[in-house]
N, C-alpha and C. Protein backbone atom coordinates (compact mmCIF):
# COMPACT_ATOMS: atom_id res chain seq x y z
N MET A 1 0.83 -1.19 0.00
CA MET A 1 0.00 0.00 0.00
C MET A 1 0.87 1.24 0.00
N GLU A 2 0.64 2.13 -0.89
CA GLU A 2 1.42 3.35 -0.94
C GLU A 2 0.54 4.51 -0.54
N PRO A 3 1.04 5.40 0.30
CA PRO A 3 0.26 6.55 0.72
C PRO A 3 -0.21 7.37 -0.46
N GLY A 4 -1.49 7.72 -0.43
CA GLY A 4 -2.04 8.59 -1.44
C GLY A 4 -2.17 7.98 -2.82
N ALA A 5 -1.97 6.71 -2.97
CA ALA A 5 -2.03 6.08 -4.28
C ALA A 5 -3.46 5.90 -4.74
N GLY A 6 -3.80 6.51 -5.85
CA GLY A 6 -5.08 6.29 -6.53
C GLY A 6 -6.33 6.30 -5.69
N GLN A 7 -7.07 5.22 -5.76
CA GLN A 7 -8.35 5.11 -5.10
C GLN A 7 -8.19 4.80 -3.62
N PRO A 8 -9.25 5.10 -2.84
CA PRO A 8 -9.22 4.76 -1.42
C PRO A 8 -9.12 3.25 -1.24
N ASN A 9 -8.49 2.87 -0.14
CA ASN A 9 -8.37 1.45 0.17
C ASN A 9 -9.72 0.87 0.55
N ARG A 10 -9.91 -0.42 0.26
CA ARG A 10 -11.09 -1.14 0.73
C ARG A 10 -10.71 -1.77 2.05
N ILE A 11 -11.42 -1.40 3.10
CA ILE A 11 -11.10 -1.87 4.44
C ILE A 11 -12.25 -2.71 4.97
N VAL A 12 -11.91 -3.89 5.45
CA VAL A 12 -12.87 -4.76 6.12
C VAL A 12 -12.36 -4.93 7.55
N LEU A 13 -13.25 -4.71 8.49
CA LEU A 13 -12.91 -4.76 9.90
C LEU A 13 -13.72 -5.87 10.55
N TYR A 14 -13.03 -6.93 10.98
CA TYR A 14 -13.69 -8.02 11.71
C TYR A 14 -13.72 -7.64 13.18
N THR A 15 -14.91 -7.65 13.77
CA THR A 15 -15.09 -7.18 15.13
C THR A 15 -15.96 -8.12 15.96
N ASN A 16 -16.09 -7.77 17.22
CA ASN A 16 -17.03 -8.41 18.12
C ASN A 16 -17.58 -7.30 19.00
N ALA A 17 -18.84 -7.36 19.36
CA ALA A 17 -19.50 -6.27 20.08
C ALA A 17 -18.86 -5.95 21.43
N TRP A 18 -18.28 -6.92 22.09
CA TRP A 18 -17.72 -6.69 23.42
C TRP A 18 -16.27 -6.25 23.42
N CYS A 19 -15.64 -6.17 22.28
CA CYS A 19 -14.20 -5.91 22.17
C CYS A 19 -13.88 -4.41 22.22
N ALA A 20 -13.10 -4.00 23.24
CA ALA A 20 -12.74 -2.59 23.39
C ALA A 20 -11.86 -2.09 22.24
N PHE A 21 -10.92 -2.92 21.79
CA PHE A 21 -10.05 -2.49 20.69
C PHE A 21 -10.82 -2.40 19.38
N CYS A 22 -11.87 -3.22 19.22
CA CYS A 22 -12.73 -3.11 18.04
C CYS A 22 -13.43 -1.75 18.03
N LYS A 23 -13.92 -1.36 19.20
CA LYS A 23 -14.59 -0.05 19.32
C LYS A 23 -13.61 1.08 19.01
N ARG A 24 -12.38 0.94 19.48
CA ARG A 24 -11.36 1.96 19.20
C ARG A 24 -11.05 2.03 17.71
N ALA A 25 -10.93 0.88 17.07
CA ALA A 25 -10.62 0.85 15.64
C ALA A 25 -11.74 1.53 14.84
N LYS A 26 -12.98 1.21 15.17
CA LYS A 26 -14.12 1.83 14.47
C LYS A 26 -14.15 3.32 14.73
N ALA A 27 -13.91 3.73 15.97
CA ALA A 27 -13.93 5.16 16.30
C ALA A 27 -12.83 5.91 15.55
N LEU A 28 -11.66 5.31 15.44
CA LEU A 28 -10.56 5.94 14.70
C LEU A 28 -10.94 6.14 13.24
N LEU A 29 -11.42 5.09 12.60
CA LEU A 29 -11.80 5.19 11.19
C LEU A 29 -12.95 6.17 11.00
N ASP A 30 -13.93 6.14 11.90
CA ASP A 30 -15.06 7.07 11.80
C ASP A 30 -14.59 8.51 11.96
N ARG A 31 -13.73 8.75 12.95
CA ARG A 31 -13.24 10.10 13.22
C ARG A 31 -12.48 10.66 12.02
N LEU A 32 -11.76 9.80 11.32
CA LEU A 32 -10.97 10.24 10.17
C LEU A 32 -11.77 10.23 8.87
N GLY A 33 -13.01 9.75 8.92
CA GLY A 33 -13.83 9.71 7.72
C GLY A 33 -13.40 8.64 6.74
N ILE A 34 -12.78 7.57 7.26
CA ILE A 34 -12.32 6.48 6.40
C ILE A 34 -13.40 5.40 6.38
N ALA A 35 -13.89 5.10 5.20
CA ALA A 35 -14.97 4.11 5.04
C ALA A 35 -14.44 2.70 5.27
N TYR A 36 -15.28 1.85 5.85
CA TYR A 36 -14.93 0.46 6.09
C TYR A 36 -16.19 -0.39 6.13
N GLU A 37 -15.99 -1.67 5.93
CA GLU A 37 -17.07 -2.64 6.08
C GLU A 37 -16.80 -3.38 7.38
N GLU A 38 -17.81 -3.45 8.24
CA GLU A 38 -17.66 -4.16 9.51
C GLU A 38 -18.32 -5.52 9.42
N ILE A 39 -17.60 -6.54 9.87
CA ILE A 39 -18.14 -7.89 9.94
C ILE A 39 -18.02 -8.35 11.39
N ASP A 40 -19.16 -8.55 12.04
CA ASP A 40 -19.21 -8.99 13.43
C ASP A 40 -19.08 -10.50 13.47
N VAL A 41 -18.03 -11.00 14.11
CA VAL A 41 -17.81 -12.44 14.18
C VAL A 41 -18.51 -13.06 15.39
N GLY A 42 -19.22 -12.25 16.14
CA GLY A 42 -19.89 -12.71 17.34
C GLY A 42 -20.95 -13.77 17.10
N ASP A 43 -21.53 -13.78 15.93
CA ASP A 43 -22.57 -14.76 15.63
C ASP A 43 -21.99 -16.10 15.19
N GLY A 44 -20.67 -16.17 15.02
CA GLY A 44 -20.01 -17.41 14.64
C GLY A 44 -19.98 -17.68 13.15
N GLU A 45 -20.84 -17.04 12.41
CA GLU A 45 -20.95 -17.28 10.97
C GLU A 45 -19.68 -16.91 10.20
N HIS A 46 -18.98 -15.87 10.65
CA HIS A 46 -17.82 -15.37 9.91
C HIS A 46 -16.49 -15.80 10.51
N CYS A 47 -16.51 -16.57 11.59
CA CYS A 47 -15.26 -17.00 12.24
C CYS A 47 -14.39 -17.83 11.30
N CYS A 48 -14.99 -18.69 10.52
CA CYS A 48 -14.20 -19.53 9.60
C CYS A 48 -13.49 -18.68 8.57
N ARG A 49 -14.15 -17.68 8.03
CA ARG A 49 -13.53 -16.79 7.04
C ARG A 49 -12.38 -16.01 7.68
N LEU A 50 -12.57 -15.56 8.90
CA LEU A 50 -11.52 -14.85 9.61
C LEU A 50 -10.32 -15.77 9.82
N GLN A 51 -10.57 -16.99 10.19
CA GLN A 51 -9.50 -17.99 10.38
C GLN A 51 -8.74 -18.21 9.07
N GLU A 52 -9.48 -18.31 7.96
CA GLU A 52 -8.87 -18.48 6.63
C GLU A 52 -7.94 -17.32 6.29
N LEU A 53 -8.42 -16.11 6.52
CA LEU A 53 -7.68 -14.91 6.13
C LEU A 53 -6.47 -14.64 6.99
N THR A 54 -6.60 -14.88 8.30
CA THR A 54 -5.57 -14.42 9.22
C THR A 54 -4.86 -15.54 9.98
N GLY A 55 -5.43 -16.73 9.94
CA GLY A 55 -4.84 -17.82 10.70
C GLY A 55 -5.21 -17.77 12.18
N GLY A 56 -6.06 -16.85 12.55
CA GLY A 56 -6.47 -16.71 13.95
C GLY A 56 -7.91 -16.27 14.05
N SER A 57 -8.33 -16.08 15.29
CA SER A 57 -9.72 -15.65 15.48
C SER A 57 -9.83 -14.45 16.40
N SER A 58 -8.70 -13.82 16.73
CA SER A 58 -8.76 -12.65 17.61
C SER A 58 -9.26 -11.44 16.82
N VAL A 59 -9.87 -10.53 17.53
CA VAL A 59 -10.40 -9.32 16.92
C VAL A 59 -9.89 -8.12 17.71
N PRO A 60 -9.83 -6.95 17.07
CA PRO A 60 -10.19 -6.71 15.69
C PRO A 60 -9.12 -7.24 14.74
N GLN A 61 -9.56 -7.56 13.56
CA GLN A 61 -8.65 -7.87 12.46
C GLN A 61 -9.00 -6.94 11.32
N VAL A 62 -7.98 -6.31 10.78
CA VAL A 62 -8.16 -5.33 9.72
C VAL A 62 -7.62 -5.92 8.42
N ILE A 63 -8.46 -5.90 7.40
CA ILE A 63 -8.08 -6.37 6.07
C ILE A 63 -8.11 -5.16 5.14
N VAL A 64 -7.00 -4.88 4.52
CA VAL A 64 -6.90 -3.72 3.61
C VAL A 64 -6.61 -4.24 2.22
N ASP A 65 -7.53 -3.98 1.31
CA ASP A 65 -7.40 -4.43 -0.08
C ASP A 65 -7.11 -5.92 -0.16
N GLY A 66 -7.81 -6.70 0.69
CA GLY A 66 -7.68 -8.14 0.67
C GLY A 66 -6.52 -8.71 1.46
N GLU A 67 -5.68 -7.86 2.02
CA GLU A 67 -4.51 -8.30 2.78
C GLU A 67 -4.70 -8.05 4.27
N PRO A 68 -4.57 -9.08 5.10
CA PRO A 68 -4.66 -8.87 6.55
C PRO A 68 -3.46 -8.05 7.05
N ILE A 69 -3.73 -6.98 7.78
CA ILE A 69 -2.63 -6.15 8.28
C ILE A 69 -2.44 -6.30 9.78
N GLY A 70 -3.39 -6.92 10.47
CA GLY A 70 -3.28 -7.10 11.91
C GLY A 70 -4.45 -6.48 12.63
N GLY A 71 -4.19 -6.01 13.84
CA GLY A 71 -5.24 -5.47 14.68
C GLY A 71 -5.18 -3.96 14.82
N TYR A 72 -5.62 -3.50 15.98
CA TYR A 72 -5.73 -2.06 16.23
C TYR A 72 -4.39 -1.34 16.11
N GLU A 73 -3.35 -1.86 16.73
CA GLU A 73 -2.05 -1.19 16.70
C GLU A 73 -1.52 -1.05 15.27
N GLU A 74 -1.70 -2.07 14.48
CA GLU A 74 -1.25 -2.01 13.08
C GLU A 74 -2.07 -1.00 12.29
N LEU A 75 -3.36 -0.91 12.60
CA LEU A 75 -4.22 0.09 11.97
C LEU A 75 -3.73 1.50 12.30
N VAL A 76 -3.42 1.73 13.56
CA VAL A 76 -2.91 3.04 13.98
C VAL A 76 -1.61 3.35 13.23
N GLY A 77 -0.76 2.35 13.08
CA GLY A 77 0.49 2.55 12.35
C GLY A 77 0.27 2.96 10.91
N LEU A 78 -0.70 2.32 10.25
CA LEU A 78 -1.01 2.70 8.86
C LEU A 78 -1.54 4.12 8.77
N VAL A 79 -2.38 4.49 9.71
CA VAL A 79 -2.93 5.85 9.71
C VAL A 79 -1.80 6.86 9.92
N ARG A 80 -0.95 6.60 10.89
CA ARG A 80 0.16 7.52 11.19
C ARG A 80 1.13 7.65 10.02
N SER A 81 1.31 6.56 9.28
CA SER A 81 2.25 6.59 8.16
C SER A 81 1.67 7.28 6.93
N GLY A 82 0.35 7.50 6.95
CA GLY A 82 -0.30 8.12 5.79
C GLY A 82 -0.76 7.12 4.76
N SER A 83 -0.62 5.83 5.05
CA SER A 83 -1.04 4.79 4.10
C SER A 83 -2.56 4.72 3.96
N LEU A 84 -3.26 5.14 5.00
CA LEU A 84 -4.72 5.20 4.95
C LEU A 84 -5.13 6.65 5.09
N ALA A 85 -5.97 7.09 4.22
CA ALA A 85 -6.41 8.48 4.27
C ALA A 85 -7.90 8.54 3.95
N PRO A 86 -8.58 9.57 4.43
CA PRO A 86 -10.01 9.72 4.13
C PRO A 86 -10.24 9.81 2.62
N LYS A 87 -11.44 9.40 2.22
CA LYS A 87 -11.80 9.48 0.79
C LYS A 87 -11.70 10.90 0.29
N ASN A 88 -12.23 11.84 1.07
CA ASN A 88 -12.23 13.25 0.69
C ASN A 88 -11.54 14.06 1.77
N PRO A 89 -10.21 14.14 1.73
CA PRO A 89 -9.47 14.84 2.78
C PRO A 89 -9.83 16.29 2.87
């Protein structure tokens, strides 16, 4: 991922309702105006897909343009580096 390259990144955020870091990740993206798709793994339906993508089941898990980047700390790192930016800065 290169900062400022072309179109906005497609972000998928795997979460669970009780997870504090999931709430922080969503709040960060919302505050910055960065669009994302949220998938709640709490119902169990999406756990297998999460396992396939990341090899684990911990949340939050952030997928950027189809590539798993990690959790909340990795998301913060991408934002700080400028790799993720709002659609309309």
